Amino acid sequence: MKTFLKWVGISLALLVAGKVAWNAVVNSAQNALFAPEDYTQTVETGGPIEAKYMAMGGYEVEKLEVPAPEEDWGTFVAYYPAGLAESGGQYPVVVMVNGTGVGASKYPAVFEHLASWGFIVVGNDDPSTCTGDSADATLAWLLNENADPNSRFYQKVD
């Protein structure tokens, strides 16, 4: 009986240690950026075309965050070319649909990189994106802004 209780105790200790380790890994991943700020300078490319587009584009970038309609979604975020409101052009849109648990706040460098090439890049921090509702709502928000004469995005979405 003593041997059995000893094995039960060891098993429980290992389970607790495993749970603590797992929580540490999950917490670390939740707080980490998934694309380093300097990735455009540090990623090795295979040729001149990749190198050209891995570099930052010709636009300065601005950022806008607004509260999302669902608290769990955090904010809607848009990165876009600076001076967009004053420009006469329209800009293509990239809707970043995060994988579960990897919201827009995990890779701001990617948003900024794409915006520097002339894209309006939008996303959110929905931790559970399986239905697509938050992606739809993010795009709907931008399209509503595109129709609002008081918005910086008025008639800027291509």
C-alpha atoms as a PDB file:
ATOM      1  CA  MET A   1       0.000   0.000   0.000  1.00  0.00           C
ATOM      2  CA  LYS A   2       2.884   2.362   0.805  1.00  0.00           C
ATOM      3  CA  THR A   3       4.329   1.819  -2.673  1.00  0.00           C
ATOM      4  CA  PHE A   4       0.972   2.572  -4.280  1.00  0.00           C
ATOM      5  CA  LEU A   5       0.561   5.806  -2.301  1.00  0.00           C
ATOM      6  CA  LYS A   6       4.127   6.764  -3.165  1.00  0.00           C
ATOM      7  CA  TRP A   7       3.387   6.359  -6.892  1.00  0.00           C
ATOM      8  CA  VAL A   8       0.150   8.313  -6.567  1.00  0.00           C
ATOM      9  CA  GLY A   9       2.045  11.125  -4.834  1.00  0.00           C
ATOM     10  CA  ILE A  10       4.755  11.168  -7.487  1.00  0.00           C
ATOM     11  CA  SER A  11       2.145  11.118 -10.259  1.00  0.00           C
ATOM     12  CA  LEU A  12       0.257  14.025  -8.706  1.00  0.00           C
ATOM     13  CA  ALA A  13       3.476  16.005  -8.276  1.00  0.00           C
ATOM     14  CA  LEU A  14       4.354  15.437 -11.942  1.00  0.00           C
ATOM     15  CA  LEU A  15       0.867  16.488 -13.041  1.00  0.00           C
ATOM     16  CA  VAL A  16       1.062  19.690 -10.999  1.00  0.00           C
ATOM     17  CA  ALA A  17       4.555  20.451 -12.342  1.00  0.00           C
ATOM     18  CA  GLY A  18       3.339  19.823 -15.894  1.00  0.00           C
ATOM     19  CA  LYS A  19       0.367  22.139 -15.418  1.00  0.00           C
ATOM     20  CA  VAL A  20       2.613  24.891 -14.024  1.00  0.00           C
ATOM     21  CA  ALA A  21       5.003  24.501 -16.974  1.00  0.00           C
ATOM     22  CA  TRP A  22       2.127  24.541 -19.472  1.00  0.00           C
ATOM     23  CA  ASN A  23       0.698  27.728 -17.927  1.00  0.00           C
ATOM     24  CA  ALA A  24       4.122  29.373 -18.166  1.00  0.00           C
ATOM     25  CA  VAL A  25       4.379  28.506 -21.874  1.00  0.00           C
ATOM     26  CA  VAL A  26       0.854  29.751 -22.611  1.00  0.00           C
ATOM     27  CA  ASN A  27       1.383  33.011 -20.695  1.00  0.00           C
ATOM     28  CA  SER A  28       4.662  33.603 -22.490  1.00  0.00           C
ATOM     29  CA  ALA A  29       3.027  33.069 -25.892  1.00  0.00           C
ATOM     30  CA  GLN A  30       0.122  35.352 -25.017  1.00  0.00           C
ATOM     31  CA  ASN A  31       2.489  38.207 -24.198  1.00  0.00           C
ATOM     32  CA  ALA A  32       4.963  37.734 -27.051  1.00  0.00           C
ATOM     33  CA  LEU A  33       4.992  39.400 -30.448  1.00  0.00           C
ATOM     34  CA  PHE A  34       4.703  36.890 -33.264  1.00  0.00           C
ATOM     35  CA  ALA A  35       6.642  39.058 -35.705  1.00  0.00           C
ATOM     36  CA  PRO A  36       9.647  40.960 -34.332  1.00  0.00           C
ATOM     37  CA  GLU A  37       9.645  44.711 -34.930  1.00  0.00           C
ATOM     38  CA  ASP A  38      12.759  44.389 -37.102  1.00  0.00           C
ATOM     39  CA  TYR A  39      11.635  41.403 -39.190  1.00  0.00           C
ATOM     40  CA  THR A  40      11.852  43.415 -42.423  1.00  0.00           C
ATOM     41  CA  GLN A  41      15.605  43.785 -41.847  1.00  0.00           C
ATOM     42  CA  THR A  42      16.369  40.351 -40.410  1.00  0.00           C
ATOM     43  CA  VAL A  43      14.479  37.885 -42.617  1.00  0.00           C
ATOM     44  CA  GLU A  44      16.709  36.429 -45.312  1.00  0.00           C
ATOM     45  CA  THR A  45      15.170  36.391 -48.763  1.00  0.00           C
ATOM     46  CA  GLY A  46      15.766  34.227 -51.812  1.00  0.00           C
ATOM     47  CA  GLY A  47      16.169  36.909 -54.438  1.00  0.00           C
ATOM     48  CA  PRO A  48      15.882  40.559 -55.452  1.00  0.00           C
ATOM     49  CA  ILE A  49      12.083  40.624 -55.782  1.00  0.00           C
ATOM     50  CA  GLU A  50      11.608  39.207 -52.286  1.00  0.00           C
ATOM     51  CA  ALA A  51      14.234  41.593 -50.911  1.00  0.00           C
ATOM     52  CA  LYS A  52      12.491  44.573 -52.502  1.00  0.00           C
ATOM     53  CA  TYR A  53       9.117  43.797 -50.981  1.00  0.00           C
ATOM     54  CA  MET A  54      10.509  42.645 -47.645  1.00  0.00           C
ATOM     55  CA  ALA A  55      11.817  46.173 -47.142  1.00  0.00           C
ATOM     56  CA  MET A  56       9.497  48.904 -45.935  1.00  0.00           C
ATOM     57  CA  GLY A  57       7.522  50.637 -48.687  1.00  0.00           C
ATOM     58  CA  GLY A  58       7.492  54.321 -49.528  1.00  0.00           C
ATOM     59  CA  TYR A  59       4.649  55.456 -47.257  1.00  0.00           C
ATOM     60  CA  GLU A  60       4.888  56.723 -43.717  1.00  0.00           C
ATOM     61  CA  VAL A  61       2.304  54.893 -41.605  1.00  0.00           C
ATOM     62  CA  GLU A  62      -0.377  56.001 -39.170  1.00  0.00           C
ATOM     63  CA  LYS A  63      -2.479  53.872 -36.835  1.00  0.00           C
ATOM     64  CA  LEU A  64      -6.033  54.130 -35.532  1.00  0.00           C
ATOM     65  CA  GLU A  65      -7.608  52.005 -32.787  1.00  0.00           C
ATOM     66  CA  VAL A  66     -11.296  52.068 -31.901  1.00  0.00           C
ATOM     67  CA  PRO A  67     -13.255  49.929 -29.436  1.00  0.00           C
ATOM     68  CA  ALA A  68     -14.817  46.856 -31.030  1.00  0.00           C
ATOM     69  CA  PRO A  69     -18.555  46.322 -30.505  1.00  0.00           C
ATOM     70  CA  GLU A  70     -17.891  43.105 -28.578  1.00  0.00           C
ATOM     71  CA  GLU A  71     -15.695  43.502 -25.495  1.00  0.00           C
ATOM     72  CA  ASP A  72     -13.951  40.164 -26.134  1.00  0.00           C
ATOM     73  CA  TRP A  73     -12.715  41.437 -29.506  1.00  0.00           C
ATOM     74  CA  GLY A  74     -10.658  44.206 -27.917  1.00  0.00           C
ATOM     75  CA  THR A  75     -10.204  46.933 -30.488  1.00  0.00           C
ATOM     76  CA  PHE A  76     -10.414  47.343 -34.216  1.00  0.00           C
ATOM     77  CA  VAL A  77      -7.052  48.538 -35.446  1.00  0.00           C
ATOM     78  CA  ALA A  78      -6.155  50.094 -38.781  1.00  0.00           C
ATOM     79  CA  TYR A  79      -2.691  50.858 -40.112  1.00  0.00           C
ATOM     80  CA  TYR A  80      -2.721  53.041 -43.202  1.00  0.00           C
ATOM     81  CA  PRO A  81      -0.565  55.365 -45.290  1.00  0.00           C
ATOM     82  CA  ALA A  82      -0.010  58.721 -43.580  1.00  0.00           C
ATOM     83  CA  GLY A  83      -1.813  61.596 -45.257  1.00  0.00           C
ATOM     84  CA  LEU A  84      -4.525  59.256 -46.501  1.00  0.00           C
ATOM     85  CA  ALA A  85      -7.330  61.715 -45.696  1.00  0.00           C
ATOM     86  CA  GLU A  86      -5.678  64.472 -47.743  1.00  0.00           C
ATOM     87  CA  SER A  87      -4.722  62.274 -50.678  1.00  0.00           C
ATOM     88  CA  GLY A  88      -6.842  61.982 -53.773  1.00  0.00           C
ATOM     89  CA  GLY A  89      -6.390  58.235 -54.085  1.00  0.00           C
ATOM     90  CA  GLN A  90      -8.002  55.053 -52.926  1.00  0.00           C
ATOM     91  CA  TYR A  91      -6.148  52.228 -51.233  1.00  0.00           C
ATOM     92  CA  PRO A  92      -6.538  48.446 -51.284  1.00  0.00           C
ATOM     93  CA  VAL A  93      -7.502  46.742 -48.027  1.00  0.00           C
ATOM     94  CA  VAL A  94      -5.976  43.794 -46.194  1.00  0.00           C
ATOM     95  CA  VAL A  95      -8.174  42.258 -43.487  1.00  0.00           C
ATOM     96  CA  MET A  96      -5.932  40.299 -41.130  1.00  0.00           C
ATOM     97  CA  VAL A  97      -7.902  37.367 -39.759  1.00  0.00           C
ATOM     98  CA  ASN A  98      -6.070  36.223 -36.672  1.00  0.00           C
ATOM     99  CA  GLY A  99      -5.637  32.623 -35.756  1.00  0.00           C
ATOM    100  CA  THR A 100      -7.239  31.743 -32.462  1.00  0.00           C
ATOM    101  CA  GLY A 101      -5.347  33.508 -29.705  1.00  0.00           C
ATOM    102  CA  VAL A 102      -3.145  35.502 -32.070  1.00  0.00           C
ATOM    103  CA  GLY A 103      -4.777  38.884 -32.502  1.00  0.00           C
ATOM    104  CA  ALA A 104      -3.644  42.012 -34.276  1.00  0.00           C
ATOM    105  CA  SER A 105      -1.668  43.213 -31.261  1.00  0.00           C
ATOM    106  CA  LYS A 106       0.692  40.241 -31.723  1.00  0.00           C
ATOM    107  CA  TYR A 107       2.099  41.389 -35.058  1.00  0.00           C
ATOM    108  CA  PRO A 108       1.999  45.183 -35.439  1.00  0.00           C
ATOM    109  CA  ALA A 109       5.189  45.096 -37.515  1.00  0.00           C
ATOM    110  CA  VAL A 110       3.364  43.142 -40.238  1.00  0.00           C
ATOM    111  CA  PHE A 111       0.479  45.644 -40.267  1.00  0.00           C
ATOM    112  CA  GLU A 112       2.933  48.541 -40.485  1.00  0.00           C
ATOM    113  CA  HIS A 113       4.958  46.840 -43.225  1.00  0.00           C
ATOM    114  CA  LEU A 114       1.907  46.284 -45.431  1.00  0.00           C
ATOM    115  CA  ALA A 115       0.619  49.813 -44.816  1.00  0.00           C
ATOM    116  CA  SER A 116       4.005  51.203 -45.857  1.00  0.00           C
ATOM    117  CA  TRP A 117       3.312  49.703 -49.292  1.00  0.00           C
ATOM    118  CA  GLY A 118       0.007  51.577 -49.607  1.00  0.00           C
ATOM    119  CA  PHE A 119      -2.504  49.193 -48.057  1.00  0.00           C
ATOM    120  CA  ILE A 120      -5.117  49.911 -45.406  1.00  0.00           C
ATOM    121  CA  VAL A 121      -4.599  47.006 -43.004  1.00  0.00           C
ATOM    122  CA  VAL A 122      -7.289  46.201 -40.427  1.00  0.00           C
ATOM    123  CA  GLY A 123      -7.660  43.599 -37.706  1.00  0.00           C
ATOM    124  CA  ASN A 124      -8.821  42.942 -34.157  1.00  0.00           C
ATOM    125  CA  ASP A 125      -7.878  40.973 -31.051  1.00  0.00           C
ATOM    126  CA  ASP A 126     -10.715  38.445 -30.986  1.00  0.00           C
ATOM    127  CA  PRO A 127      -9.311  35.415 -29.115  1.00  0.00           C
ATOM    128  CA  SER A 128     -11.824  33.022 -30.691  1.00  0.00           C
ATOM    129  CA  THR A 129     -12.275  33.650 -34.394  1.00  0.00           C
ATOM    130  CA  CYS A 130     -13.926  30.405 -35.472  1.00  0.00           C
ATOM    131  CA  THR A 131     -17.173  32.025 -36.665  1.00  0.00           C
ATOM    132  CA  GLY A 132     -15.577  34.868 -38.613  1.00  0.00           C
ATOM    133  CA  ASP A 133     -17.935  37.354 -36.951  1.00  0.00           C
ATOM    134  CA  SER A 134     -15.162  39.643 -35.743  1.00  0.00           C
ATOM    135  CA  ALA A 135     -13.480  39.716 -39.175  1.00  0.00           C
ATOM    136  CA  ASP A 136     -16.828  40.569 -40.791  1.00  0.00           C
ATOM    137  CA  ALA A 137     -17.429  43.290 -38.208  1.00  0.00           C
ATOM    138  CA  THR A 138     -13.937  44.728 -38.714  1.00  0.00           C
ATOM    139  CA  LEU A 139     -14.479  45.000 -42.461  1.00  0.00           C
ATOM    140  CA  ALA A 140     -17.989  46.417 -41.930  1.00  0.00           C
ATOM    141  CA  TRP A 141     -16.498  49.060 -39.617  1.00  0.00           C
ATOM    142  CA  LEU A 142     -13.994  50.107 -42.293  1.00  0.00           C
ATOM    143  CA  LEU A 143     -16.659  50.194 -45.012  1.00  0.00           C
ATOM    144  CA  ASN A 144     -18.876  52.349 -42.771  1.00  0.00           C
ATOM    145  CA  GLU A 145     -15.916  54.686 -42.251  1.00  0.00           C
ATOM    146  CA  ASN A 146     -15.439  54.763 -46.035  1.00  0.00           C
ATOM    147  CA  ALA A 147     -19.036  56.027 -46.381  1.00  0.00           C
ATOM    148  CA  ASP A 148     -18.775  58.634 -43.590  1.00  0.00           C
ATOM    149  CA  PRO A 149     -17.786  62.123 -44.836  1.00  0.00           C
ATOM    150  CA  ASN A 150     -16.370  62.894 -41.362  1.00  0.00           C
ATOM    151  CA  SER A 151     -14.002  59.918 -41.403  1.00  0.00           C
ATOM    152  CA  ARG A 152     -10.340  59.906 -42.403  1.00  0.00           C
ATOM    153  CA  PHE A 153     -11.216  56.847 -44.515  1.00  0.00           C
ATOM    154  CA  TYR A 154     -13.986  58.614 -46.457  1.00  0.00           C
ATOM    155  CA  GLN A 155     -13.897  57.322 -50.049  1.00  0.00           C
ATOM    156  CA  LYS A 156     -10.386  55.913 -49.506  1.00  0.00           C
ATOM    157  CA  VAL A 157     -11.201  52.195 -49.675  1.00  0.00           C
ATOM    158  CA  ASP A 158     -10.611  50.627 -53.080  1.00  0.00           C
END
